Amino acid sequence: MAKYSEKAGEKVEKTMHEMKEGKLKSGSGKKVTSKKQAIAIGLSEARKEGAKVPKKKS
């Protein structure tokens, strides 16, 4: 199981909340409805901020 930093967990929690409110949008501007996509966006944002997140699987 991958270990994520506390900061990454908070970021994912925030994006999940946004998704449930219907405010989260993907890069193309469409509304995000998938739980997996919301988690991926949260981890990506955390990665950009320098949080401890494992590398993306290519």
N, C-alpha and C. Protein backbone atom coordinates (compact mmCIF):
# COMPACT_ATOMS: atom_id res chain seq x y z
N MET A 1 0.84 -1.18 0.00
CA MET A 1 0.00 0.00 0.00
C MET A 1 0.89 1.25 0.00
N ALA A 2 0.53 2.21 -0.84
CA ALA A 2 1.32 3.43 -0.95
C ALA A 2 1.10 4.32 0.27
N LYS A 3 2.16 4.99 0.69
CA LYS A 3 2.08 5.91 1.82
C LYS A 3 2.01 7.34 1.28
N TYR A 4 1.01 8.06 1.72
CA TYR A 4 0.86 9.44 1.30
C TYR A 4 1.06 10.36 2.49
N SER A 5 1.53 11.56 2.21
CA SER A 5 1.74 12.52 3.29
C SER A 5 0.40 13.06 3.77
N GLU A 6 0.42 13.68 4.92
CA GLU A 6 -0.80 14.26 5.49
C GLU A 6 -1.34 15.36 4.57
N LYS A 7 -0.43 16.12 3.98
CA LYS A 7 -0.79 17.21 3.08
C LYS A 7 -1.54 16.66 1.85
N ALA A 8 -1.05 15.53 1.34
CA ALA A 8 -1.69 14.90 0.17
C ALA A 8 -3.09 14.42 0.53
N GLY A 9 -3.23 13.86 1.73
CA GLY A 9 -4.53 13.40 2.20
C GLY A 9 -5.54 14.52 2.31
N GLU A 10 -5.06 15.66 2.79
CA GLU A 10 -5.93 16.84 2.93
C GLU A 10 -6.38 17.34 1.57
N LYS A 11 -5.45 17.31 0.61
CA LYS A 11 -5.75 17.79 -0.75
C LYS A 11 -6.80 16.90 -1.41
N VAL A 12 -6.65 15.58 -1.23
CA VAL A 12 -7.61 14.63 -1.80
C VAL A 12 -8.98 14.83 -1.14
N GLU A 13 -8.97 15.03 0.17
CA GLU A 13 -10.22 15.25 0.91
C GLU A 13 -10.94 16.49 0.37
N LYS A 14 -10.18 17.54 0.09
CA LYS A 14 -10.75 18.79 -0.42
C LYS A 14 -11.35 18.59 -1.81
N THR A 15 -10.64 17.87 -2.68
CA THR A 15 -11.15 17.64 -4.04
C THR A 15 -12.39 16.75 -4.03
N MET A 16 -12.43 15.77 -3.12
CA MET A 16 -13.60 14.90 -3.01
C MET A 16 -14.81 15.72 -2.58
N HIS A 17 -14.60 16.65 -1.66
CA HIS A 17 -15.67 17.52 -1.18
C HIS A 17 -16.19 18.39 -2.33
N GLU A 18 -15.26 18.93 -3.13
CA GLU A 18 -15.63 19.75 -4.28
C GLU A 18 -16.44 18.93 -5.29
N MET A 19 -16.02 17.67 -5.51
CA MET A 19 -16.72 16.81 -6.45
C MET A 19 -18.16 16.57 -6.00
N LYS A 20 -18.32 16.30 -4.70
CA LYS A 20 -19.66 16.03 -4.17
C LYS A 20 -20.56 17.26 -4.26
N GLU A 21 -19.96 18.45 -4.20
CA GLU A 21 -20.74 19.69 -4.34
C GLU A 21 -20.99 20.04 -5.81
N GLY A 22 -20.29 19.34 -6.71
CA GLY A 22 -20.45 19.59 -8.14
C GLY A 22 -19.61 20.74 -8.65
N LYS A 23 -18.57 21.12 -7.90
CA LYS A 23 -17.73 22.26 -8.28
C LYS A 23 -16.40 21.85 -8.92
N LEU A 24 -16.05 20.56 -8.84
CA LEU A 24 -14.76 20.11 -9.35
C LEU A 24 -14.82 19.91 -10.85
N LYS A 25 -13.85 20.50 -11.56
CA LYS A 25 -13.80 20.37 -13.01
C LYS A 25 -12.46 19.77 -13.43
N SER A 26 -12.48 19.02 -14.53
CA SER A 26 -11.26 18.42 -15.05
C SER A 26 -10.53 19.46 -15.89
N GLY A 27 -9.40 19.08 -16.45
CA GLY A 27 -8.59 19.99 -17.26
C GLY A 27 -9.35 20.52 -18.47
N SER A 28 -10.24 19.72 -19.02
CA SER A 28 -11.00 20.14 -20.21
C SER A 28 -12.18 21.04 -19.83
N GLY A 29 -12.42 21.21 -18.53
CA GLY A 29 -13.50 22.08 -18.07
C GLY A 29 -14.80 21.37 -17.79
N LYS A 30 -14.82 20.03 -18.01
CA LYS A 30 -16.04 19.27 -17.74
C LYS A 30 -16.14 18.93 -16.26
N LYS A 31 -17.37 18.76 -15.78
CA LYS A 31 -17.62 18.42 -14.39
C LYS A 31 -17.13 17.00 -14.09
N VAL A 32 -16.45 16.83 -12.97
CA VAL A 32 -15.93 15.52 -12.56
C VAL A 32 -17.01 14.79 -11.77
N THR A 33 -17.33 13.54 -12.18
CA THR A 33 -18.33 12.75 -11.48
C THR A 33 -17.72 11.46 -10.92
N SER A 34 -16.53 11.11 -11.37
CA SER A 34 -15.87 9.87 -10.96
C SER A 34 -15.04 10.08 -9.70
N LYS A 35 -15.21 9.15 -8.74
CA LYS A 35 -14.45 9.19 -7.49
C LYS A 35 -12.94 9.05 -7.78
N LYS A 36 -12.61 8.11 -8.69
CA LYS A 36 -11.21 7.86 -9.04
C LYS A 36 -10.56 9.10 -9.65
N GLN A 37 -11.31 9.79 -10.50
CA GLN A 37 -10.78 10.99 -11.14
C GLN A 37 -10.55 12.10 -10.12
N ALA A 38 -11.45 12.22 -9.16
CA ALA A 38 -11.30 13.24 -8.11
C ALA A 38 -10.05 12.97 -7.28
N ILE A 39 -9.80 11.70 -6.95
CA ILE A 39 -8.61 11.33 -6.19
C ILE A 39 -7.35 11.64 -7.00
N ALA A 40 -7.38 11.31 -8.29
CA ALA A 40 -6.23 11.57 -9.17
C ALA A 40 -5.93 13.07 -9.24
N ILE A 41 -6.95 13.89 -9.32
CA ILE A 41 -6.77 15.34 -9.37
C ILE A 41 -6.16 15.83 -8.06
N GLY A 42 -6.66 15.33 -6.94
CA GLY A 42 -6.14 15.71 -5.62
C GLY A 42 -4.68 15.35 -5.46
N LEU A 43 -4.31 14.14 -5.88
CA LEU A 43 -2.91 13.70 -5.79
C LEU A 43 -2.02 14.52 -6.71
N SER A 44 -2.53 14.83 -7.88
CA SER A 44 -1.77 15.63 -8.84
C SER A 44 -1.49 17.03 -8.28
N GLU A 45 -2.51 17.64 -7.68
CA GLU A 45 -2.34 18.97 -7.08
C GLU A 45 -1.35 18.92 -5.91
N ALA A 46 -1.44 17.86 -5.11
CA ALA A 46 -0.52 17.71 -3.98
C ALA A 46 0.91 17.53 -4.49
N ARG A 47 1.06 16.79 -5.57
CA ARG A 47 2.38 16.56 -6.17
C ARG A 47 2.99 17.88 -6.63
N LYS A 48 2.16 18.73 -7.24
CA LYS A 48 2.63 20.05 -7.71
C LYS A 48 3.10 20.93 -6.56
N GLU A 49 2.46 20.77 -5.39
CA GLU A 49 2.82 21.57 -4.21
C GLU A 49 4.02 20.99 -3.47
N GLY A 50 4.51 19.84 -3.92
CA GLY A 50 5.70 19.26 -3.32
C GLY A 50 5.43 18.29 -2.18
N ALA A 51 4.19 17.82 -2.05
CA ALA A 51 3.85 16.86 -1.00
C ALA A 51 4.42 15.48 -1.35
N LYS A 52 4.57 14.63 -0.32
CA LYS A 52 5.12 13.29 -0.54
C LYS A 52 4.04 12.39 -1.14
N VAL A 53 4.14 12.21 -2.45
CA VAL A 53 3.19 11.39 -3.19
C VAL A 53 3.98 10.49 -4.13
N PRO A 54 3.70 9.19 -4.15
CA PRO A 54 4.42 8.31 -5.08
C PRO A 54 4.25 8.76 -6.53
N LYS A 55 5.20 8.39 -7.40
CA LYS A 55 5.17 8.78 -8.80
C LYS A 55 3.95 8.20 -9.50
N LYS A 56 3.53 8.89 -10.57
CA LYS A 56 2.42 8.41 -11.37
C LYS A 56 2.81 7.13 -12.08
N LYS A 57 1.86 6.22 -12.24
CA LYS A 57 2.10 5.01 -13.03
C LYS A 57 1.88 5.38 -14.49
N SER A 58 2.85 5.06 -15.32
CA SER A 58 2.73 5.47 -16.73
C SER A 58 2.01 4.47 -17.59
